[in-house]
Amino acid sequence: MGTPRDLEQSILELSGAPDLRPLNVAELAQKLPCPPQKRPRLREALARLERGGRIARIKAGERFALPVEADLSPVRIRINRP
């Protein structure tokens, strides 16, 4: 695993693989492979991708998938209170 962008790209490629179900952090770490000491970097990359709408957290927040594969539309809701 190189730069944060390389890690994000690897996550997106893995998440978009055909016939692959949504994975949790431990499963992603195993498939990438990502050693235990690098798991914080993996979680940070997942958080960046999720904030950017490029990946979605599904199934009670445990697993990650591409929004299109999960039939989700990434949107941002903004509420202004008077």
C-alpha atoms as a PDB file:
ATOM      1  CA  MET A   1       0.000   0.000   0.000  1.00  0.00           C
ATOM      2  CA  GLY A   2       1.528   3.258  -1.159  1.00  0.00           C
ATOM      3  CA  THR A   3      -0.028   6.686  -0.960  1.00  0.00           C
ATOM      4  CA  PRO A   4      -3.510   7.399   0.433  1.00  0.00           C
ATOM      5  CA  ARG A   5      -4.778   7.785  -3.161  1.00  0.00           C
ATOM      6  CA  ASP A   6      -3.378   4.370  -4.076  1.00  0.00           C
ATOM      7  CA  LEU A   7      -5.174   2.882  -1.097  1.00  0.00           C
ATOM      8  CA  GLU A   8      -8.434   4.615  -2.023  1.00  0.00           C
ATOM      9  CA  GLN A   9      -8.127   3.393  -5.616  1.00  0.00           C
ATOM     10  CA  SER A  10      -7.482  -0.174  -4.394  1.00  0.00           C
ATOM     11  CA  ILE A  11     -10.581   0.003  -2.185  1.00  0.00           C
ATOM     12  CA  LEU A  12     -12.720   1.257  -5.089  1.00  0.00           C
ATOM     13  CA  GLU A  13     -11.405  -1.418  -7.457  1.00  0.00           C
ATOM     14  CA  LEU A  14     -12.036  -4.146  -4.897  1.00  0.00           C
ATOM     15  CA  SER A  15     -15.501  -2.809  -4.084  1.00  0.00           C
ATOM     16  CA  GLY A  16     -16.398  -2.743  -7.772  1.00  0.00           C
ATOM     17  CA  ALA A  17     -15.309  -6.312  -8.455  1.00  0.00           C
ATOM     18  CA  PRO A  18     -18.107  -8.431  -9.946  1.00  0.00           C
ATOM     19  CA  ASP A  19     -19.685 -11.088  -7.715  1.00  0.00           C
ATOM     20  CA  LEU A  20     -18.191  -9.576  -4.566  1.00  0.00           C
ATOM     21  CA  ARG A  21     -20.491  -8.865  -1.668  1.00  0.00           C
ATOM     22  CA  PRO A  22     -20.045  -5.735   0.465  1.00  0.00           C
ATOM     23  CA  LEU A  23     -17.100  -6.112   2.849  1.00  0.00           C
ATOM     24  CA  ASN A  24     -16.403  -4.900   6.372  1.00  0.00           C
ATOM     25  CA  VAL A  25     -13.088  -3.345   7.443  1.00  0.00           C
ATOM     26  CA  ALA A  26     -11.506  -6.654   8.488  1.00  0.00           C
ATOM     27  CA  GLU A  27     -12.477  -8.326   5.200  1.00  0.00           C
ATOM     28  CA  LEU A  28     -11.189  -5.362   3.179  1.00  0.00           C
ATOM     29  CA  ALA A  29      -7.913  -5.485   5.116  1.00  0.00           C
ATOM     30  CA  GLN A  30      -7.554  -9.182   4.360  1.00  0.00           C
ATOM     31  CA  LYS A  31      -8.304  -8.818   0.636  1.00  0.00           C
ATOM     32  CA  LEU A  32      -6.037  -5.794   0.032  1.00  0.00           C
ATOM     33  CA  PRO A  33      -3.758  -7.039   2.061  1.00  0.00           C
ATOM     34  CA  CYS A  34      -3.387  -4.514   4.845  1.00  0.00           C
ATOM     35  CA  PRO A  35      -1.387  -5.442   7.966  1.00  0.00           C
ATOM     36  CA  PRO A  36      -2.945  -4.662  11.372  1.00  0.00           C
ATOM     37  CA  GLN A  37      -0.646  -1.674  12.006  1.00  0.00           C
ATOM     38  CA  LYS A  38      -1.981  -0.016   8.806  1.00  0.00           C
ATOM     39  CA  ARG A  39      -5.674  -0.465   9.657  1.00  0.00           C
ATOM     40  CA  PRO A  40      -6.023   3.167  10.860  1.00  0.00           C
ATOM     41  CA  ARG A  41      -4.950   4.287   7.354  1.00  0.00           C
ATOM     42  CA  LEU A  42      -7.561   1.951   5.869  1.00  0.00           C
ATOM     43  CA  ARG A  43     -10.278   3.397   8.113  1.00  0.00           C
ATOM     44  CA  GLU A  44      -9.200   6.955   7.212  1.00  0.00           C
ATOM     45  CA  ALA A  45      -9.334   6.128   3.491  1.00  0.00           C
ATOM     46  CA  LEU A  46     -12.812   4.602   3.900  1.00  0.00           C
ATOM     47  CA  ALA A  47     -13.978   7.720   5.755  1.00  0.00           C
ATOM     48  CA  ARG A  48     -12.631   9.999   2.978  1.00  0.00           C
ATOM     49  CA  LEU A  49     -14.332   7.899   0.293  1.00  0.00           C
ATOM     50  CA  GLU A  50     -17.585   7.861   2.259  1.00  0.00           C
ATOM     51  CA  ARG A  51     -17.547  11.645   2.812  1.00  0.00           C
ATOM     52  CA  GLY A  52     -16.909  12.115  -0.893  1.00  0.00           C
ATOM     53  CA  GLY A  53     -19.849   9.877  -1.820  1.00  0.00           C
ATOM     54  CA  ARG A  54     -17.614   7.419  -3.649  1.00  0.00           C
ATOM     55  CA  ILE A  55     -18.402   4.530  -1.297  1.00  0.00           C
ATOM     56  CA  ALA A  56     -21.404   3.818   0.916  1.00  0.00           C
ATOM     57  CA  ARG A  57     -21.693   2.282   4.364  1.00  0.00           C
ATOM     58  CA  ILE A  58     -24.474  -0.293   4.336  1.00  0.00           C
ATOM     59  CA  LYS A  59     -25.960  -3.100   6.457  1.00  0.00           C
ATOM     60  CA  ALA A  60     -26.103  -1.338   9.806  1.00  0.00           C
ATOM     61  CA  GLY A  61     -22.883   0.548   9.095  1.00  0.00           C
ATOM     62  CA  GLU A  62     -20.765  -2.584   9.089  1.00  0.00           C
ATOM     63  CA  ARG A  63     -20.029  -3.049   5.378  1.00  0.00           C
ATOM     64  CA  PHE A  64     -18.924  -0.885   2.461  1.00  0.00           C
ATOM     65  CA  ALA A  65     -20.025  -0.930  -1.182  1.00  0.00           C
ATOM     66  CA  LEU A  66     -20.101   1.328  -4.198  1.00  0.00           C
ATOM     67  CA  PRO A  67     -23.278   3.450  -4.056  1.00  0.00           C
ATOM     68  CA  VAL A  68     -24.393   2.298  -7.508  1.00  0.00           C
ATOM     69  CA  GLU A  69     -23.995  -1.367  -6.573  1.00  0.00           C
ATOM     70  CA  ALA A  70     -26.041  -0.819  -3.402  1.00  0.00           C
ATOM     71  CA  ASP A  71     -28.786   1.068  -5.318  1.00  0.00           C
ATOM     72  CA  LEU A  72     -27.980   4.244  -3.389  1.00  0.00           C
ATOM     73  CA  SER A  73     -27.576   7.806  -4.568  1.00  0.00           C
ATOM     74  CA  PRO A  74     -24.951   9.862  -2.778  1.00  0.00           C
ATOM     75  CA  VAL A  75     -26.567  13.090  -1.626  1.00  0.00           C
ATOM     76  CA  ARG A  76     -25.838  15.730   0.940  1.00  0.00           C
ATOM     77  CA  ILE A  77     -28.738  17.135   2.915  1.00  0.00           C
ATOM     78  CA  ARG A  78     -28.349  20.623   4.289  1.00  0.00           C
ATOM     79  CA  ILE A  79     -30.770  21.955   6.877  1.00  0.00           C
ATOM     80  CA  ASN A  80     -30.876  25.624   7.802  1.00  0.00           C
ATOM     81  CA  ARG A  81     -32.580  26.444  11.047  1.00  0.00           C
ATOM     82  CA  PRO A  82     -33.985  29.907  11.647  1.00  0.00           C
END
